[in-house]
Amino acid sequence: TVAAALAQAQINPNSALVGEKMRQEGGVKRFSISSSLSVQGSPLGMYDAKFIAAVQQCWNALLEEQRYSLDRVGKVVVDFRLTYDGRISDMKLVESDVGEIYSTICQLAITKPAPYESWPMDVRKMVGGNYRDVRFTFYY
């Protein structure tokens, strides 16, 4: 199972961006999520870290339900809008080379936990608008 594989690799399944970089120079993360969000030590960074962790946790659970066995290699790129009240809109599949089922799982990993926590006032001030355009890349 996915949980067993993560445990064997001594990776915390509850941490954001679970995947580990390949050991080759220029390698990509395998079985991980990369986002356009900057997770830094700020109110916005803390919000983003929670958001990414929620998507990661949902993605792992959905893959577990599908009995994903690390047999598929590729990536899925999804663009969407995250609104100040935690809703997801304008989702668009930008790229996928893993097939329709695994692409749908990536989209569900983003939409299923929604609505997310509303932005605190300091985050709204930092963003300067009512939404953010976000890109997630899922690596299989």
C-alpha atoms as a PDB file:
ATOM      1  CA  THR A   1       0.000   0.000   0.000  1.00  0.00           C
ATOM      2  CA  VAL A   2       1.010   3.627  -0.306  1.00  0.00           C
ATOM      3  CA  ALA A   3       1.112   3.986   3.486  1.00  0.00           C
ATOM      4  CA  ALA A   4       3.377   0.945   3.797  1.00  0.00           C
ATOM      5  CA  ALA A   5       5.709   2.256   1.089  1.00  0.00           C
ATOM      6  CA  LEU A   6       5.954   5.654   2.803  1.00  0.00           C
ATOM      7  CA  ALA A   7       6.592   3.999   6.164  1.00  0.00           C
ATOM      8  CA  GLN A   8       9.275   1.758   4.690  1.00  0.00           C
ATOM      9  CA  ALA A   9      10.977   4.821   3.195  1.00  0.00           C
ATOM     10  CA  GLN A  10      10.662   6.490   6.615  1.00  0.00           C
ATOM     11  CA  ILE A  11       8.659   9.368   5.137  1.00  0.00           C
ATOM     12  CA  ASN A  12       6.023  11.079   7.248  1.00  0.00           C
ATOM     13  CA  PRO A  13       2.760  10.778   5.252  1.00  0.00           C
ATOM     14  CA  ASN A  14       1.322  13.825   7.054  1.00  0.00           C
ATOM     15  CA  SER A  15       4.063  16.209   5.966  1.00  0.00           C
ATOM     16  CA  ALA A  16       3.682  18.412   2.929  1.00  0.00           C
ATOM     17  CA  LEU A  17       5.567  17.480  -0.220  1.00  0.00           C
ATOM     18  CA  VAL A  18       6.192  13.883   0.772  1.00  0.00           C
ATOM     19  CA  GLY A  19       8.260  12.925  -2.281  1.00  0.00           C
ATOM     20  CA  GLU A  20      12.013  12.644  -2.235  1.00  0.00           C
ATOM     21  CA  LYS A  21      14.251  13.960  -5.011  1.00  0.00           C
ATOM     22  CA  MET A  22      15.939  11.354  -7.122  1.00  0.00           C
ATOM     23  CA  ARG A  23      19.643  10.969  -6.481  1.00  0.00           C
ATOM     24  CA  GLN A  24      20.596  11.925 -10.024  1.00  0.00           C
ATOM     25  CA  GLU A  25      21.512  15.496 -10.863  1.00  0.00           C
ATOM     26  CA  GLY A  26      18.470  17.161 -12.381  1.00  0.00           C
ATOM     27  CA  GLY A  27      16.162  14.407 -11.182  1.00  0.00           C
ATOM     28  CA  VAL A  28      12.526  15.064 -10.376  1.00  0.00           C
ATOM     29  CA  LYS A  29      10.595  14.189  -7.291  1.00  0.00           C
ATOM     30  CA  ARG A  30       8.875  10.831  -7.535  1.00  0.00           C
ATOM     31  CA  PHE A  31       5.367  10.525  -6.103  1.00  0.00           C
ATOM     32  CA  SER A  32       5.166  14.074  -4.838  1.00  0.00           C
ATOM     33  CA  ILE A  33       3.429  17.404  -5.290  1.00  0.00           C
ATOM     34  CA  SER A  34       5.036  20.646  -6.348  1.00  0.00           C
ATOM     35  CA  SER A  35       3.067  23.880  -6.186  1.00  0.00           C
ATOM     36  CA  SER A  36       3.481  27.445  -7.332  1.00  0.00           C
ATOM     37  CA  LEU A  37       2.899  28.542  -3.731  1.00  0.00           C
ATOM     38  CA  SER A  38       5.844  29.812  -1.717  1.00  0.00           C
ATOM     39  CA  VAL A  39       5.871  28.132   1.694  1.00  0.00           C
ATOM     40  CA  GLN A  40       7.924  30.500   3.833  1.00  0.00           C
ATOM     41  CA  GLY A  41       7.855  31.669   7.423  1.00  0.00           C
ATOM     42  CA  SER A  42       5.062  34.210   7.062  1.00  0.00           C
ATOM     43  CA  PRO A  43       1.299  34.147   7.613  1.00  0.00           C
ATOM     44  CA  LEU A  44       0.852  33.459   3.899  1.00  0.00           C
ATOM     45  CA  GLY A  45       3.513  30.738   3.991  1.00  0.00           C
ATOM     46  CA  MET A  46       1.867  29.072   6.981  1.00  0.00           C
ATOM     47  CA  TYR A  47      -1.513  29.113   5.225  1.00  0.00           C
ATOM     48  CA  ASP A  48       0.068  27.661   2.073  1.00  0.00           C
ATOM     49  CA  ALA A  49       1.817  24.916   4.053  1.00  0.00           C
ATOM     50  CA  LYS A  50      -1.513  23.818   5.589  1.00  0.00           C
ATOM     51  CA  PHE A  51      -3.208  23.976   2.202  1.00  0.00           C
ATOM     52  CA  ILE A  52      -0.511  21.886   0.487  1.00  0.00           C
ATOM     53  CA  ALA A  53      -0.539  19.364   3.354  1.00  0.00           C
ATOM     54  CA  ALA A  54      -4.326  18.963   3.030  1.00  0.00           C
ATOM     55  CA  VAL A  55      -4.031  18.307  -0.715  1.00  0.00           C
ATOM     56  CA  GLN A  56      -1.121  15.899  -0.154  1.00  0.00           C
ATOM     57  CA  GLN A  57      -3.043  13.966   2.504  1.00  0.00           C
ATOM     58  CA  CYS A  58      -6.135  13.706   0.294  1.00  0.00           C
ATOM     59  CA  TRP A  59      -4.030  12.628  -2.706  1.00  0.00           C
ATOM     60  CA  ASN A  60      -2.386   9.876  -0.662  1.00  0.00           C
ATOM     61  CA  ALA A  61      -5.789   8.670   0.579  1.00  0.00           C
ATOM     62  CA  LEU A  62      -7.238   8.643  -2.945  1.00  0.00           C
ATOM     63  CA  LEU A  63      -4.247   6.697  -4.265  1.00  0.00           C
ATOM     64  CA  GLU A  64      -4.624   4.257  -1.386  1.00  0.00           C
ATOM     65  CA  GLU A  65      -8.264   3.693  -2.377  1.00  0.00           C
ATOM     66  CA  GLN A  66      -7.128   2.965  -5.945  1.00  0.00           C
ATOM     67  CA  ARG A  67      -4.459   0.586  -4.629  1.00  0.00           C
ATOM     68  CA  TYR A  68      -1.777   2.598  -6.404  1.00  0.00           C
ATOM     69  CA  SER A  69       1.415   0.553  -6.540  1.00  0.00           C
ATOM     70  CA  LEU A  70       3.965   3.077  -7.855  1.00  0.00           C
ATOM     71  CA  ASP A  71       3.666   1.410 -11.276  1.00  0.00           C
ATOM     72  CA  ARG A  72       2.776   4.604 -13.166  1.00  0.00           C
ATOM     73  CA  VAL A  73       5.423   7.224 -13.981  1.00  0.00           C
ATOM     74  CA  GLY A  74       4.623  10.722 -15.151  1.00  0.00           C
ATOM     75  CA  LYS A  75       3.115  13.987 -14.049  1.00  0.00           C
ATOM     76  CA  VAL A  76      -0.131  15.926 -13.922  1.00  0.00           C
ATOM     77  CA  VAL A  77      -0.235  19.740 -13.980  1.00  0.00           C
ATOM     78  CA  VAL A  78      -3.390  21.465 -12.703  1.00  0.00           C
ATOM     79  CA  ASP A  79      -4.148  25.198 -12.622  1.00  0.00           C
ATOM     80  CA  PHE A  80      -6.928  26.578 -10.419  1.00  0.00           C
ATOM     81  CA  ARG A  81      -8.069  29.605  -8.477  1.00  0.00           C
ATOM     82  CA  LEU A  82      -8.073  29.605  -4.658  1.00  0.00           C
ATOM     83  CA  THR A  83     -10.470  32.210  -3.268  1.00  0.00           C
ATOM     84  CA  TYR A  84     -10.214  34.064   0.054  1.00  0.00           C
ATOM     85  CA  ASP A  85     -13.035  31.962   1.509  1.00  0.00           C
ATOM     86  CA  GLY A  86     -11.259  28.670   0.732  1.00  0.00           C
ATOM     87  CA  ARG A  87     -13.160  27.714  -2.414  1.00  0.00           C
ATOM     88  CA  ILE A  88     -11.605  26.252  -5.569  1.00  0.00           C
ATOM     89  CA  SER A  89     -12.720  27.492  -8.984  1.00  0.00           C
ATOM     90  CA  ASP A  90     -11.611  27.653 -12.615  1.00  0.00           C
ATOM     91  CA  MET A  91      -9.761  24.324 -12.442  1.00  0.00           C
ATOM     92  CA  LYS A  92      -7.984  23.367 -15.638  1.00  0.00           C
ATOM     93  CA  LEU A  93      -5.936  20.280 -16.478  1.00  0.00           C
ATOM     94  CA  VAL A  94      -2.842  21.719 -18.181  1.00  0.00           C
ATOM     95  CA  GLU A  95      -0.789  18.567 -18.748  1.00  0.00           C
ATOM     96  CA  SER A  96      -1.050  14.860 -18.045  1.00  0.00           C
ATOM     97  CA  ASP A  97       0.828  11.804 -19.201  1.00  0.00           C
ATOM     98  CA  VAL A  98      -0.578   9.290 -16.711  1.00  0.00           C
ATOM     99  CA  GLY A  99      -4.088   8.751 -18.038  1.00  0.00           C
ATOM    100  CA  GLU A 100      -7.562   9.959 -17.159  1.00  0.00           C
ATOM    101  CA  ILE A 101      -7.979   8.099 -13.855  1.00  0.00           C
ATOM    102  CA  TYR A 102      -4.796   9.434 -12.264  1.00  0.00           C
ATOM    103  CA  SER A 103      -5.463  12.922 -13.654  1.00  0.00           C
ATOM    104  CA  THR A 104      -8.924  12.869 -12.064  1.00  0.00           C
ATOM    105  CA  ILE A 105      -7.407  11.739  -8.758  1.00  0.00           C
ATOM    106  CA  CYS A 106      -5.141  14.803  -8.784  1.00  0.00           C
ATOM    107  CA  GLN A 107      -8.074  17.115  -9.426  1.00  0.00           C
ATOM    108  CA  LEU A 108     -10.094  15.418  -6.673  1.00  0.00           C
ATOM    109  CA  ALA A 109      -7.171  15.786  -4.257  1.00  0.00           C
ATOM    110  CA  ILE A 110      -7.557  19.551  -4.669  1.00  0.00           C
ATOM    111  CA  THR A 111     -11.360  19.823  -4.708  1.00  0.00           C
ATOM    112  CA  LYS A 112     -12.416  17.141  -2.219  1.00  0.00           C
ATOM    113  CA  PRO A 113     -11.082  18.865   0.957  1.00  0.00           C
ATOM    114  CA  ALA A 114     -12.625  22.207  -0.117  1.00  0.00           C
ATOM    115  CA  PRO A 115     -13.709  24.563   1.149  1.00  0.00           C
ATOM    116  CA  TYR A 116     -10.423  25.203   2.865  1.00  0.00           C
ATOM    117  CA  GLU A 117      -9.870  27.544   5.783  1.00  0.00           C
ATOM    118  CA  SER A 118     -10.675  31.178   4.956  1.00  0.00           C
ATOM    119  CA  TRP A 119      -7.704  33.485   4.656  1.00  0.00           C
ATOM    120  CA  PRO A 120      -6.855  35.412   7.823  1.00  0.00           C
ATOM    121  CA  MET A 121      -6.976  39.199   7.398  1.00  0.00           C
ATOM    122  CA  ASP A 122      -3.170  39.527   7.246  1.00  0.00           C
ATOM    123  CA  VAL A 123      -3.066  36.965   4.412  1.00  0.00           C
ATOM    124  CA  ARG A 124      -5.780  38.859   2.511  1.00  0.00           C
ATOM    125  CA  LYS A 125      -3.705  42.022   2.837  1.00  0.00           C
ATOM    126  CA  MET A 126      -0.584  40.235   1.586  1.00  0.00           C
ATOM    127  CA  VAL A 127      -2.412  38.760  -1.417  1.00  0.00           C
ATOM    128  CA  GLY A 128      -4.088  42.059  -2.214  1.00  0.00           C
ATOM    129  CA  GLY A 129      -7.120  40.454  -3.847  1.00  0.00           C
ATOM    130  CA  ASN A 130      -9.920  37.961  -3.374  1.00  0.00           C
ATOM    131  CA  TYR A 131      -8.200  35.035  -5.107  1.00  0.00           C
ATOM    132  CA  ARG A 132      -4.878  33.547  -6.120  1.00  0.00           C
ATOM    133  CA  ASP A 133      -4.057  31.606  -9.261  1.00  0.00           C
ATOM    134  CA  VAL A 134      -2.262  28.403  -8.276  1.00  0.00           C
ATOM    135  CA  ARG A 135      -0.501  25.628 -10.189  1.00  0.00           C
ATOM    136  CA  PHE A 136       0.082  22.166  -8.718  1.00  0.00           C
ATOM    137  CA  THR A 137       2.266  19.556 -10.378  1.00  0.00           C
ATOM    138  CA  PHE A 138       1.724  15.977  -9.202  1.00  0.00           C
ATOM    139  CA  TYR A 139       4.552  13.523  -9.872  1.00  0.00           C
ATOM    140  CA  TYR A 140       3.917   9.798 -10.164  1.00  0.00           C
END
